[in-house]
Amino acid sequence: MATSTSDTSKRTLYRLTGVAPTVDAMFDVLDPDRLEAAHAELHVPEERLGVPALLVTGSFEQPVASWCGEINRTTGCEVSRPVNRSAGLLMLVVDGEVYAIGYDQGFRLVPDQVKDRRFGLSFVIRRVDPAQIRDMVSHRPGGGRTDITLVPGGAPVWSLGVQEHAQIVRRLGGRLDGIQLTIAQNDRTKISSVEGGTGLRMHLGIEAADLVADIRAIARVIRDEAPAPELEFVEHIVPVKDADLVTRLEERLDDMLGQEPDGRIAVAVPSDHWDDYGAAQAFATKVHSKDVYLTDDFSLEYVLNRARVQRAGTRFAALRDGTVTLYAHARAEKGDVLWTSSVLRWIEAEVALGARRFFLLDGQWYETGEAYLEAIRSQVERLITDTPSVDLPAWVLGDNERHYNESVPDLRPGYVCFDRDNVQSALHRGNGVEICDLLSPDDVLVMVKRAKGSDALSHLFGQAVVAVQTLLHSPEAAERFARKVAAARPDRALPEGFRPSKVVFAILLKNGTDLTADTLFPFSQVTLVQTAKMLEAWGIAVEVVGIQATVAPFSSRAGIRHLAA
C-alpha cells in the first residue's frame, strides 16, 4: 500500500552552526526574551526520538488585534478581538549536527546568528531537477537588486536568464529528483517539490524514526554528492573565509562609512525574511543610540548618517551591533514585533582591495573576481563535450575550411553543406545570412571553424546568434532556408514552422590541438559563455566539439578523403 500523505508534512528544516550537540547547548542559544514573549514551555523528548532533542511550545498573544482600533474609527463599531498564534520549535541532534524545525510561529524562535545560511540551497542544487525549476531568488550586487522568478509549471534553469558570475542565488525551488524519503517509501511519484535557501522546505516524516531518517538522507546528499552540473555555478560565489582578509575588508568598509554616500552601500533585504519585510508596517532602527528611529520602511539614510558620526574604527561595529526591529502595526508596540536583526544584515557594500573586488551581503563577505573565473571555466567545461551528438569526419590539415565543409556530405550521408550558401531577407539583402556551415541529419545547425586565434571564434559565435535570430524572427528568411534544405535533401524537408533546437560549434583548434577548457583562448571562453547564455535563453541548446585532425599521406584527394572518413 502506498505511503499516505498524512505520514509526512511540509516543514522548513534548518541546520544550526556553532551549537554543541547537547540539550543544554540548544537551550542556551535561544533568546530568553523571545521565550518569555511566547510563554514558552520546555520538553525533552529524547526517549521518543532516540537522539538529543529539545521541544519548545508556546504562543504569541495579543489581547486586542492591531486592526481593532482602526476598524472602530472607520465604522464606529466597538470591536475587540484577541490574537493567539501558536509556536512550536523542535531542536534535535542527528549524527553530531544540530537541526531545528519550526511549527506555525515557532520559526521565529530559531536564532538567526546560528542558522547555516547555505544549508537549504546546498541540498537543492544537488537534488532538484535542473529542467524543472519553479522559483528562484537571486541578488545582483550593486544597487541592492533582487530578482524573483516564479514558474509554477517548472522551467529549465538555463531559460531563467541568470548571469552565473554576476548574481548570487539566494533561494531555489523545483521538483525533487530521486531521493529515498519517507514520502516516497512505496510511491516515488509522491515526491513533488522542494525549496531551499537558508532553510530547506519539503515533506518530512512525522514519525520520530522517519524524521531522523529523512534528515540523515538530506545530510548524506550534501556530504557525498556533487551539485548538478547545470546548478554548480550556485557554489562558485563562496564566502570569504580568511580571517585576516575579513578584517581588512571590515576596516575598508569602516573607512567608507565615514565618507559621503557614493552608491557603493545599498539596501538588501535579508534573504530569509522577505515575508516579514512585506508584512511590516513599521521599522525601528537603532545605531549606537538610546533612541530608536521609527519609519515605515528601512532607512539607509539614517543608518549611514549615524555611522558617519562615529569614530573611525568603530563605524563597522556600530552597524554590527545596531538593530532593526520589524513591527506588524504602525503603532510599533511590543506585541507587534515580527523580527529583530543586526543592521548589518540590511546593507550590501562593494569594496575593492587592489584589483580584487568584494561585496558584503547578509552580513557575509564574498569575492566576485574568483567567482567570475570559476563560473566561466565551469560553463566552458559543460559546453565542450567528449561525446558529441554530431558525427563529423577528421579534418585533413592541408584542407581549408570551405573544402572541409564541402567534403562532409560525401563522408557522412545525411549532412548538407550550406557554407557560403546564404539566405537573404528584408534585413539582410546584401550578402544575406549564413544560417550554418552544415545541417545534420537531425536538423542541428553546425557552425564550423578552424581557429588560430580568438578573432575567428568571435566571428563564429556571432554568426550563430545572427543565424538563430534570423530563423526565429524572419518568416521570409526561414521559408527561404527551408526551400534550400528541400532542394538539397528532397527526401526529407524541414518540418513546417522549423525552429532550431540545437547549435553545435565544431572547432579545429590551431594545428589539431585537443579542444578543452585549458586550450580554448581565454577571450573566446568569455565570448562562448555569453553566446551560449543568449542562445539557451531562446530555448536553443549549445554544444561545442573539437574536430579531430589528420595528415594526408597521399597526394590524391580521394586518398585524403578516405583517411578522413
Protein backbone atom coordinates (compact mmCIF):
# COMPACT_ATOMS: atom_id res chain seq x y z
CA MET A 1 0.00 0.00 0.00
CA ALA A 2 1.32 3.46 -0.88
CA THR A 3 2.50 5.72 1.90
CA SER A 4 -0.25 8.11 2.98
CA THR A 5 0.47 11.81 2.72
CA SER A 6 -0.52 12.01 6.39
CA ASP A 7 2.75 10.27 7.23
CA THR A 8 4.58 13.46 6.21
CA SER A 9 4.09 17.18 6.47
CA LYS A 10 5.72 20.08 4.66
CA ARG A 11 8.10 21.78 7.07
CA THR A 12 11.17 24.02 6.98
CA LEU A 13 14.33 22.40 8.30
CA TYR A 14 17.30 24.47 9.47
CA ARG A 15 20.82 23.34 10.24
CA LEU A 16 22.48 25.23 13.06
CA THR A 17 26.17 26.05 13.30
CA GLY A 18 28.28 26.77 16.36
CA VAL A 19 25.86 24.90 18.63
CA ALA A 20 27.19 21.93 20.59
CA PRO A 21 25.14 18.73 20.11
CA THR A 22 23.62 18.76 23.60
CA VAL A 23 20.26 19.73 25.07
CA ASP A 24 21.88 22.33 27.30
CA ALA A 25 23.67 23.99 24.37
CA MET A 26 20.47 24.06 22.34
CA PHE A 27 18.64 25.75 25.19
CA ASP A 28 21.45 28.26 25.80
CA VAL A 29 21.32 29.54 22.22
CA LEU A 30 17.65 30.52 22.46
CA ASP A 31 16.71 34.15 23.12
CA PRO A 32 15.21 34.48 26.65
CA ASP A 33 13.11 37.48 25.60
CA ARG A 34 11.53 35.54 22.73
CA LEU A 35 10.87 32.59 25.02
CA GLU A 36 9.19 34.89 27.50
CA ALA A 37 7.12 36.53 24.76
CA ALA A 38 5.91 33.09 23.66
CA HIS A 39 5.14 31.97 27.25
CA ALA A 40 7.35 29.02 26.41
CA GLU A 41 7.24 25.56 27.92
CA LEU A 42 10.18 23.19 27.52
CA HIS A 43 10.15 19.44 26.86
CA VAL A 44 12.98 16.95 26.36
CA PRO A 45 11.64 14.15 24.08
CA GLU A 46 14.96 12.28 23.76
CA GLU A 47 13.50 8.87 24.55
CA ARG A 48 10.92 9.09 21.78
CA LEU A 49 13.30 10.43 19.13
CA GLY A 50 16.32 8.38 20.13
CA VAL A 51 18.58 11.44 19.78
CA PRO A 52 19.25 14.52 21.94
CA ALA A 53 16.25 16.82 21.45
CA LEU A 54 14.56 19.90 22.86
CA LEU A 55 10.95 20.91 22.20
CA VAL A 56 9.72 24.44 22.87
CA THR A 57 5.99 25.17 22.76
CA GLY A 58 4.10 28.37 23.39
CA SER A 59 2.08 31.11 21.74
CA PHE A 60 2.35 34.76 20.85
CA GLU A 61 -0.69 36.53 22.26
CA GLN A 62 -2.26 39.95 21.84
CA PRO A 63 -5.34 40.82 23.93
CA VAL A 64 -6.59 43.10 21.16
CA ALA A 65 -5.72 42.66 17.49
CA SER A 66 -3.92 45.61 15.89
CA TRP A 67 -6.75 46.23 13.43
CA CYS A 68 -9.46 46.65 16.07
CA GLY A 69 -8.69 50.29 16.84
CA GLU A 70 -8.68 51.16 13.15
CA ILE A 71 -11.99 49.47 12.46
CA ASN A 72 -13.52 51.25 15.45
CA ARG A 73 -12.52 54.62 13.97
CA THR A 74 -13.64 53.66 10.46
CA THR A 75 -17.05 52.14 11.30
CA GLY A 76 -17.89 53.34 14.79
CA CYS A 77 -18.37 49.72 15.81
CA GLU A 78 -16.73 48.61 19.05
CA VAL A 79 -14.62 45.56 18.16
CA SER A 80 -12.18 43.76 20.41
CA ARG A 81 -10.69 40.51 19.15
CA PRO A 82 -7.57 38.80 20.51
CA VAL A 83 -4.75 37.28 18.51
CA ASN A 84 -3.19 33.99 19.60
CA ARG A 85 -0.59 32.37 17.31
CA SER A 86 0.84 29.05 18.41
CA ALA A 87 4.54 28.35 18.29
CA GLY A 88 6.49 25.12 18.34
CA LEU A 89 10.20 24.57 17.87
CA LEU A 90 11.85 21.17 17.74
CA MET A 91 15.64 21.10 18.01
CA LEU A 92 17.40 17.78 17.60
CA VAL A 93 20.85 16.32 17.10
CA VAL A 94 21.42 13.90 14.22
CA ASP A 95 24.92 12.45 13.80
CA GLY A 96 26.54 15.34 15.65
CA GLU A 97 24.73 18.12 13.77
CA VAL A 98 22.02 20.30 15.31
CA TYR A 99 18.80 20.85 13.34
CA ALA A 100 15.65 22.85 14.03
CA ILE A 101 12.09 22.70 12.72
CA GLY A 102 9.52 25.41 13.38
CA TYR A 103 5.79 24.79 13.70
CA ASP A 104 3.47 27.75 13.00
CA GLN A 105 5.27 30.75 14.56
CA GLY A 106 7.97 28.54 16.04
CA PHE A 107 10.40 29.51 13.29
CA ARG A 108 10.66 32.92 15.00
CA LEU A 109 12.40 31.23 17.92
CA VAL A 110 15.28 29.99 15.74
CA PRO A 111 18.20 32.39 16.33
CA ASP A 112 19.39 33.92 13.04
CA GLN A 113 23.02 34.04 14.08
CA VAL A 114 23.32 30.25 14.26
CA LYS A 115 21.47 29.37 11.03
CA ASP A 116 23.57 27.79 8.30
CA ARG A 117 22.70 30.26 5.54
CA ARG A 118 23.58 27.86 2.68
CA PHE A 119 22.03 24.67 4.07
CA GLY A 120 18.81 24.56 2.07
CA LEU A 121 20.46 25.79 -1.10
CA SER A 122 23.27 23.23 -0.80
CA PHE A 123 20.74 20.40 -0.80
CA VAL A 124 18.55 21.78 -3.59
CA ILE A 125 21.35 22.22 -6.15
CA ARG A 126 22.24 18.56 -5.64
CA ARG A 127 18.76 17.11 -5.85
CA VAL A 128 16.38 19.41 -7.70
CA ASP A 129 15.72 18.63 -11.37
CA PRO A 130 17.52 21.40 -13.35
CA ALA A 131 14.83 21.15 -16.02
CA GLN A 132 12.02 21.77 -13.50
CA ILE A 133 12.99 24.94 -11.64
CA ARG A 134 9.86 26.55 -10.20
CA ASP A 135 11.21 29.54 -8.34
CA MET A 136 14.49 31.34 -8.00
CA VAL A 137 15.54 34.35 -5.98
CA SER A 138 18.89 35.88 -6.90
CA HIS A 139 20.71 39.04 -5.91
CA ARG A 140 22.76 41.18 -8.25
CA PRO A 141 25.43 43.02 -6.21
CA GLY A 142 25.40 46.76 -6.73
CA GLY A 143 22.23 48.76 -6.18
CA GLY A 144 20.51 46.25 -3.90
CA ARG A 145 18.68 44.50 -6.73
CA THR A 146 16.89 41.21 -6.01
CA ASP A 147 15.31 39.24 -8.87
CA ILE A 148 12.40 36.90 -8.07
CA THR A 149 11.32 34.43 -10.74
CA LEU A 150 8.25 32.19 -10.38
CA VAL A 151 7.46 29.45 -12.90
CA PRO A 152 4.73 27.26 -11.35
CA GLY A 153 4.93 24.74 -14.19
CA GLY A 154 8.71 24.48 -13.99
CA ALA A 155 11.36 25.57 -16.50
CA PRO A 156 14.99 24.65 -17.32
CA VAL A 157 17.46 26.69 -15.32
CA TRP A 158 19.16 27.99 -18.46
CA SER A 159 15.90 29.61 -19.58
CA LEU A 160 15.73 31.82 -16.46
CA GLY A 161 18.45 34.17 -17.68
CA VAL A 162 20.61 34.08 -14.56
CA GLN A 163 24.08 35.59 -15.01
CA GLU A 164 26.08 32.99 -13.19
CA HIS A 165 29.15 35.10 -12.44
CA ALA A 166 27.21 38.25 -11.54
CA GLN A 167 24.38 37.03 -9.32
CA ILE A 168 24.11 35.24 -6.01
CA VAL A 169 21.30 32.71 -5.95
CA ARG A 170 19.65 33.01 -2.55
CA ARG A 171 16.74 30.59 -2.94
CA LEU A 172 15.89 27.87 -5.43
CA GLY A 173 12.87 25.64 -5.73
CA GLY A 174 11.78 22.90 -8.07
CA ARG A 175 10.94 19.25 -8.50
CA LEU A 176 12.85 16.91 -6.24
CA ASP A 177 14.92 14.45 -8.21
CA GLY A 178 15.34 10.92 -6.88
CA ILE A 179 15.99 10.53 -3.15
CA GLN A 180 14.69 7.95 -0.71
CA LEU A 181 12.48 9.80 1.75
CA THR A 182 9.51 8.84 3.88
CA ILE A 183 7.08 10.29 1.36
CA ALA A 184 8.47 8.02 -1.36
CA GLN A 185 8.86 4.76 0.52
CA ASN A 186 6.27 2.97 -1.58
CA ASP A 187 5.29 5.56 -4.15
CA ARG A 188 8.05 7.70 -5.64
CA THR A 189 5.51 9.78 -7.58
CA LYS A 190 4.53 11.48 -4.32
CA ILE A 191 7.77 13.44 -4.29
CA SER A 192 6.78 16.85 -5.59
CA SER A 193 8.68 19.96 -4.71
CA VAL A 194 11.42 21.40 -2.54
CA GLU A 195 12.57 24.94 -1.77
CA GLY A 196 15.98 25.74 -0.41
CA GLY A 197 17.67 28.88 0.82
CA THR A 198 18.75 29.28 4.43
CA GLY A 199 16.18 26.65 5.38
CA LEU A 200 15.00 23.61 3.45
CA ARG A 201 11.25 23.38 2.92
CA MET A 202 9.97 19.95 1.90
CA HIS A 203 7.88 16.99 3.06
CA LEU A 204 9.44 15.35 6.11
CA GLY A 205 8.39 12.27 8.04
CA ILE A 206 6.14 12.77 11.06
CA GLU A 207 7.04 9.61 13.00
CA ALA A 208 10.22 10.04 15.03
CA ALA A 209 12.20 7.36 13.19
CA ASP A 210 11.06 8.66 9.80
CA LEU A 211 12.03 12.24 10.60
CA VAL A 212 15.52 11.23 11.76
CA ALA A 213 15.95 9.02 8.67
CA ASP A 214 14.91 11.87 6.37
CA ILE A 215 17.39 14.25 8.00
CA ARG A 216 20.13 11.64 7.59
CA ALA A 217 19.26 11.25 3.90
CA ILE A 218 19.43 15.02 3.41
CA ALA A 219 22.81 15.21 5.19
CA ARG A 220 24.17 12.38 3.02
CA VAL A 221 23.25 14.23 -0.15
CA ILE A 222 25.04 17.41 0.95
CA ARG A 223 28.07 15.48 2.21
CA ASP A 224 28.55 12.93 -0.54
CA GLU A 225 27.06 14.27 -3.77
CA ALA A 226 28.23 16.91 -6.21
CA PRO A 227 25.85 19.61 -7.44
CA ALA A 228 24.02 19.03 -10.71
CA PRO A 229 26.31 20.36 -13.49
CA GLU A 230 23.66 22.88 -14.53
CA LEU A 231 23.46 24.23 -10.97
CA GLU A 232 27.03 24.06 -9.71
CA PHE A 233 27.50 27.75 -10.52
CA VAL A 234 25.50 28.47 -7.35
CA GLU A 235 28.51 27.45 -5.26
CA HIS A 236 31.08 29.42 -7.25
CA ILE A 237 30.37 32.61 -5.34
CA VAL A 238 31.53 31.47 -1.93
CA PRO A 239 32.01 33.35 1.33
CA VAL A 240 35.43 34.73 2.24
CA LYS A 241 36.87 32.50 4.97
CA ASP A 242 40.28 34.07 5.58
CA ALA A 243 40.02 35.88 8.95
CA ASP A 244 42.80 38.36 8.12
CA LEU A 245 41.15 39.22 4.81
CA VAL A 246 37.78 39.70 6.53
CA THR A 247 39.45 42.09 8.99
CA ARG A 248 40.93 44.13 6.12
CA LEU A 249 37.53 44.29 4.41
CA GLU A 250 35.84 45.44 7.60
CA GLU A 251 38.49 48.15 8.03
CA ARG A 252 37.97 49.33 4.45
CA LEU A 253 34.20 49.43 4.91
CA ASP A 254 34.72 51.33 8.16
CA ASP A 255 36.58 53.99 6.15
CA MET A 256 33.80 54.09 3.53
CA LEU A 257 31.18 54.60 6.23
CA GLY A 258 32.97 57.78 7.27
CA GLN A 259 32.61 59.30 3.78
CA GLU A 260 29.68 60.85 1.94
CA PRO A 261 27.50 58.13 0.29
CA ASP A 262 28.60 57.27 -3.25
CA GLY A 263 26.31 54.35 -4.09
CA ARG A 264 28.67 51.59 -3.00
CA ILE A 265 26.47 50.90 0.03
CA ALA A 266 22.85 49.96 -0.64
CA VAL A 267 19.85 48.27 0.98
CA ALA A 268 19.45 44.49 0.70
CA VAL A 269 16.54 42.74 2.42
CA PRO A 270 17.76 39.70 4.44
CA SER A 271 17.26 36.59 2.34
CA ASP A 272 15.21 34.58 4.81
CA HIS A 273 12.80 37.34 5.88
CA TRP A 274 11.10 38.65 2.73
CA ASP A 275 7.71 37.70 4.17
CA ASP A 276 8.36 39.74 7.29
CA TYR A 277 9.58 42.65 5.21
CA GLY A 278 6.37 42.60 3.18
CA ALA A 279 4.19 42.37 6.29
CA ALA A 280 5.99 45.06 8.30
CA GLN A 281 4.30 48.41 8.77
CA ALA A 282 6.97 49.96 10.96
CA PHE A 283 10.77 49.70 11.17
CA ALA A 284 12.56 50.72 14.35
CA THR A 285 16.30 51.21 13.76
CA LYS A 286 18.95 51.96 16.35
CA VAL A 287 22.62 52.59 15.66
CA HIS A 288 24.77 53.46 18.70
CA SER A 289 21.91 55.40 20.27
CA LYS A 290 19.45 55.03 23.12
CA ASP A 291 16.67 56.29 20.86
CA VAL A 292 15.11 54.32 18.02
CA TYR A 293 14.37 55.81 14.62
CA LEU A 294 10.83 54.81 13.57
CA THR A 295 9.94 54.74 9.85
CA ASP A 296 7.56 52.90 7.53
CA ASP A 297 10.47 51.28 5.67
CA PHE A 298 14.13 50.56 6.31
CA SER A 299 16.04 53.86 6.24
CA LEU A 300 19.50 53.57 4.73
CA GLU A 301 19.91 57.34 5.08
CA TYR A 302 19.53 57.13 8.87
CA VAL A 303 21.98 54.22 9.09
CA LEU A 304 24.67 55.96 7.03
CA ASN A 305 24.21 59.25 8.88
CA ARG A 306 24.59 57.51 12.24
CA ALA A 307 27.63 55.56 11.04
CA ARG A 308 29.33 58.68 9.69
CA VAL A 309 29.33 60.45 13.08
CA GLN A 310 31.03 57.52 14.84
CA ARG A 311 34.77 57.48 15.49
CA ALA A 312 36.98 55.91 12.83
CA GLY A 313 37.47 52.24 13.59
CA THR A 314 34.10 51.92 15.36
CA ARG A 315 31.68 52.51 12.48
CA PHE A 316 31.51 48.91 11.24
CA ALA A 317 30.96 47.66 14.80
CA ALA A 318 28.17 50.21 15.23
CA LEU A 319 26.28 48.65 12.33
CA ARG A 320 27.01 45.13 13.50
CA ASP A 321 25.69 45.94 16.98
CA GLY A 322 22.84 48.13 15.76
CA THR A 323 19.35 46.64 15.45
CA VAL A 324 16.38 46.75 13.10
CA THR A 325 13.01 45.67 14.52
CA LEU A 326 10.05 45.00 12.23
CA TYR A 327 6.51 45.56 13.52
CA ALA A 328 3.24 44.27 12.11
CA HIS A 329 1.48 47.55 13.01
CA ALA A 330 2.43 51.21 12.75
CA ARG A 331 1.93 51.65 16.49
CA ALA A 332 5.10 49.54 16.98
CA GLU A 333 4.19 48.03 20.31
CA LYS A 334 5.84 45.03 21.94
CA GLY A 335 3.10 42.65 20.85
CA ASP A 336 3.52 43.72 17.20
CA VAL A 337 7.16 42.61 16.87
CA LEU A 338 7.81 40.40 13.86
CA TRP A 339 11.58 40.12 13.92
CA THR A 340 14.74 41.83 15.15
CA SER A 341 18.14 41.63 13.47
CA SER A 342 21.50 43.32 13.15
CA VAL A 343 21.62 46.41 10.93
CA LEU A 344 24.48 44.74 9.08
CA ARG A 345 22.08 42.23 7.55
CA TRP A 346 20.22 45.07 5.80
CA ILE A 347 23.03 46.52 3.75
CA GLU A 348 25.21 45.43 0.87
CA ALA A 349 28.54 47.05 0.11
CA GLU A 350 31.19 46.83 -2.61
CA VAL A 351 34.83 47.02 -1.54
CA ALA A 352 37.99 46.89 -3.66
CA LEU A 353 41.39 45.74 -2.43
CA GLY A 354 43.78 46.43 -5.28
CA ALA A 355 42.42 44.64 -8.34
CA ARG A 356 40.26 42.30 -6.26
CA ARG A 357 36.58 43.09 -5.73
CA PHE A 358 34.45 42.01 -2.77
CA PHE A 359 30.94 42.63 -1.57
CA LEU A 360 29.10 42.31 1.71
CA LEU A 361 25.65 40.73 1.64
CA ASP A 362 23.56 39.42 4.54
CA GLY A 363 26.49 40.04 6.87
CA GLN A 364 28.83 37.83 4.81
CA TRP A 365 31.76 38.81 2.56
CA TYR A 366 32.12 37.38 -0.96
CA GLU A 367 34.74 37.79 -3.69
CA THR A 368 33.44 38.36 -7.21
CA GLY A 369 36.57 38.04 -9.36
CA GLU A 370 37.30 34.42 -8.45
CA ALA A 371 33.63 33.58 -8.82
CA TYR A 372 33.62 35.04 -12.32
CA LEU A 373 36.58 32.93 -13.42
CA GLU A 374 35.17 29.79 -11.83
CA ALA A 375 31.78 30.34 -13.47
CA ILE A 376 33.30 30.93 -16.91
CA ARG A 377 35.53 27.87 -16.70
CA SER A 378 32.71 25.67 -15.39
CA GLN A 379 30.43 26.68 -18.23
CA VAL A 380 33.11 26.10 -20.84
CA GLU A 381 33.70 22.62 -19.42
CA ARG A 382 29.95 22.00 -19.57
CA LEU A 383 29.68 23.13 -23.19
CA ILE A 384 32.70 21.21 -24.53
CA THR A 385 31.69 17.58 -24.82
CA ASP A 386 33.69 14.39 -25.33
CA THR A 387 30.56 12.61 -26.62
CA PRO A 388 29.33 14.83 -29.47
CA SER A 389 25.81 14.49 -30.81
CA VAL A 390 27.10 15.08 -34.35
CA ASP A 391 29.29 12.66 -36.31
CA LEU A 392 31.92 14.69 -38.12
CA PRO A 393 34.92 13.31 -40.02
CA ALA A 394 38.50 14.24 -39.23
CA TRP A 395 39.94 17.36 -40.82
CA VAL A 396 42.89 16.91 -43.16
CA LEU A 397 45.27 19.65 -42.09
CA GLY A 398 46.05 20.57 -45.69
CA ASP A 399 42.40 21.37 -46.42
CA ASN A 400 40.89 24.80 -45.99
CA GLU A 401 37.59 25.37 -44.18
CA ARG A 402 35.43 25.52 -47.28
CA HIS A 403 36.77 22.25 -48.67
CA TYR A 404 36.25 20.52 -45.33
CA ASN A 405 32.62 21.58 -45.21
CA GLU A 406 32.01 20.52 -48.80
CA SER A 407 33.57 17.12 -48.12
CA VAL A 408 31.39 16.25 -45.13
CA PRO A 409 28.20 15.21 -47.08
CA ASP A 410 30.34 12.76 -49.11
CA LEU A 411 31.78 11.25 -45.97
CA ARG A 412 28.70 11.46 -43.75
CA PRO A 413 25.47 10.85 -45.70
CA GLY A 414 22.57 12.95 -44.45
CA TYR A 415 24.59 16.10 -43.84
CA VAL A 416 24.02 19.14 -46.04
CA CYS A 417 26.63 21.87 -46.64
CA PHE A 418 25.44 25.47 -46.58
CA ASP A 419 28.88 27.10 -46.30
CA ARG A 420 28.54 30.48 -48.07
CA ASP A 421 25.08 29.46 -49.34
CA ASN A 422 23.46 32.46 -47.72
CA VAL A 423 19.81 33.33 -47.15
CA GLN A 424 18.53 36.81 -47.90
CA SER A 425 15.81 38.63 -46.00
CA ALA A 426 14.41 42.12 -45.65
CA LEU A 427 17.13 42.87 -43.09
CA HIS A 428 19.92 41.10 -44.97
CA ARG A 429 19.50 42.00 -48.65
CA GLY A 430 23.19 42.26 -49.49
CA ASN A 431 25.19 39.09 -48.96
CA GLY A 432 22.44 37.57 -46.82
CA VAL A 433 22.92 35.41 -43.73
CA GLU A 434 24.84 32.15 -43.50
CA ILE A 435 22.45 30.01 -41.43
CA CYS A 436 25.01 27.27 -40.81
CA ASP A 437 28.02 25.57 -42.34
CA LEU A 438 26.43 22.15 -42.05
CA LEU A 439 22.93 20.88 -41.31
CA SER A 440 22.99 17.50 -39.57
CA PRO A 441 20.60 14.64 -40.42
CA ASP A 442 18.53 15.55 -37.34
CA ASP A 443 18.43 19.27 -38.28
CA VAL A 444 21.08 20.56 -35.90
CA LEU A 445 22.83 23.75 -37.04
CA VAL A 446 26.58 23.06 -37.16
CA MET A 447 28.97 26.02 -37.24
CA VAL A 448 32.50 25.04 -38.32
CA LYS A 449 35.71 26.97 -37.78
CA ARG A 450 39.45 26.39 -37.97
CA ALA A 451 40.74 28.84 -35.39
CA LYS A 452 44.28 30.09 -34.82
CA GLY A 453 43.11 32.88 -32.54
CA SER A 454 40.12 34.31 -30.71
CA ASP A 455 39.04 36.60 -33.57
CA ALA A 456 37.93 33.69 -35.74
CA LEU A 457 35.86 32.21 -32.93
CA SER A 458 34.26 35.55 -32.08
CA HIS A 459 33.08 35.67 -35.69
CA LEU A 460 31.79 32.08 -35.40
CA PHE A 461 29.81 32.79 -32.24
CA GLY A 462 28.40 35.99 -33.70
CA GLN A 463 27.36 34.13 -36.83
CA ALA A 464 25.34 31.68 -34.74
CA VAL A 465 23.47 34.45 -32.90
CA VAL A 466 22.57 36.23 -36.15
CA ALA A 467 21.53 32.96 -37.83
CA VAL A 468 19.25 31.89 -34.98
CA GLN A 469 17.74 35.37 -34.65
CA THR A 470 17.02 35.33 -38.38
CA LEU A 471 15.27 31.95 -38.28
CA LEU A 472 13.26 32.88 -35.20
CA HIS A 473 12.14 36.35 -36.23
CA SER A 474 12.13 36.47 -40.04
CA PRO A 475 9.46 34.21 -41.60
CA GLU A 476 10.77 35.23 -45.02
CA ALA A 477 14.30 34.01 -44.27
CA ALA A 478 13.04 30.86 -42.55
CA GLU A 479 10.97 29.99 -45.62
CA ARG A 480 13.92 30.55 -47.97
CA PHE A 481 16.16 28.37 -45.82
CA ALA A 482 13.50 25.64 -45.79
CA ARG A 483 13.42 25.75 -49.60
CA LYS A 484 17.19 25.39 -49.75
CA VAL A 485 17.04 22.35 -47.48
CA ALA A 486 14.25 20.79 -49.56
CA ALA A 487 16.28 21.26 -52.74
CA ALA A 488 19.43 19.77 -51.23
CA ARG A 489 17.64 16.98 -49.36
CA PRO A 490 14.48 16.14 -51.33
CA ASP A 491 13.76 13.02 -49.30
CA ARG A 492 13.33 14.94 -46.01
CA ALA A 493 12.34 18.56 -45.83
CA LEU A 494 12.41 20.62 -42.65
CA PRO A 495 9.26 20.30 -40.54
CA GLU A 496 6.73 23.07 -41.01
CA GLY A 497 7.47 26.01 -38.75
CA PHE A 498 11.02 24.74 -38.16
CA ARG A 499 12.71 26.17 -35.10
CA PRO A 500 16.32 25.15 -34.42
CA SER A 501 16.71 23.11 -31.25
CA LYS A 502 20.50 23.00 -31.05
CA VAL A 503 23.60 24.75 -32.31
CA VAL A 504 26.90 22.85 -32.43
CA PHE A 505 30.18 24.74 -32.66
CA ALA A 506 32.67 22.38 -34.33
CA ILE A 507 36.19 23.71 -33.94
CA LEU A 508 39.59 22.68 -35.23
CA LEU A 509 41.91 24.44 -32.81
CA LYS A 510 45.27 25.69 -34.06
CA ASN A 511 47.07 22.74 -35.66
CA GLY A 512 44.88 19.99 -34.28
CA THR A 513 45.34 20.71 -30.58
CA ASP A 514 42.69 18.95 -28.49
CA LEU A 515 39.88 21.33 -27.61
CA THR A 516 39.50 21.70 -23.83
CA ALA A 517 38.78 24.44 -21.32
CA ASP A 518 42.57 24.77 -20.94
CA THR A 519 43.36 25.14 -24.66
CA LEU A 520 40.48 27.38 -25.72
CA PHE A 521 41.63 31.00 -25.93
CA PRO A 522 40.71 32.91 -22.74
CA PHE A 523 38.85 35.68 -24.55
CA SER A 524 36.95 33.07 -26.57
CA GLN A 525 35.85 31.38 -23.34
CA VAL A 526 34.10 34.57 -22.20
CA THR A 527 32.50 35.12 -25.63
CA LEU A 528 31.41 31.49 -25.84
CA VAL A 529 29.68 31.61 -22.44
CA GLN A 530 27.92 34.86 -23.32
CA THR A 531 26.77 33.41 -26.65
CA ALA A 532 25.57 30.18 -25.06
CA LYS A 533 23.59 32.09 -22.44
CA MET A 534 21.86 34.10 -25.12
CA LEU A 535 21.01 31.07 -27.27
CA GLU A 536 19.90 28.97 -24.29
CA ALA A 537 17.63 31.78 -23.13
CA TRP A 538 15.90 31.44 -26.51
CA GLY A 539 15.47 27.71 -25.99
CA ILE A 540 18.40 26.66 -28.19
CA ALA A 541 20.79 24.07 -26.75
CA VAL A 542 24.51 24.66 -27.31
CA GLU A 543 27.28 22.11 -27.75
CA VAL A 544 30.98 22.58 -28.52
CA VAL A 545 33.03 19.80 -30.12
CA GLY A 546 36.63 19.54 -31.20
CA ILE A 547 37.24 18.22 -34.72
CA GLN A 548 39.91 15.58 -34.95
CA ALA A 549 42.86 16.41 -37.22
CA THR A 550 44.73 14.09 -39.55
CA VAL A 551 47.60 14.40 -42.00
CA ALA A 552 47.11 13.25 -45.61
CA PRO A 553 49.64 10.53 -46.57
CA PHE A 554 48.57 10.63 -50.24
CA SER A 555 48.56 13.41 -52.77
CA SER A 556 45.26 12.33 -54.28
CA ARG A 557 42.11 13.91 -52.91
CA ALA A 558 40.40 10.52 -52.89
CA GLY A 559 43.08 9.15 -50.61
CA ILE A 560 42.77 12.09 -48.28
CA ARG A 561 39.03 11.73 -48.08
CA HIS A 562 39.32 8.01 -47.49
CA LEU A 563 41.54 8.59 -44.47
CA ALA A 564 39.38 11.44 -43.23
CA ALA A 565 36.40 9.14 -43.17
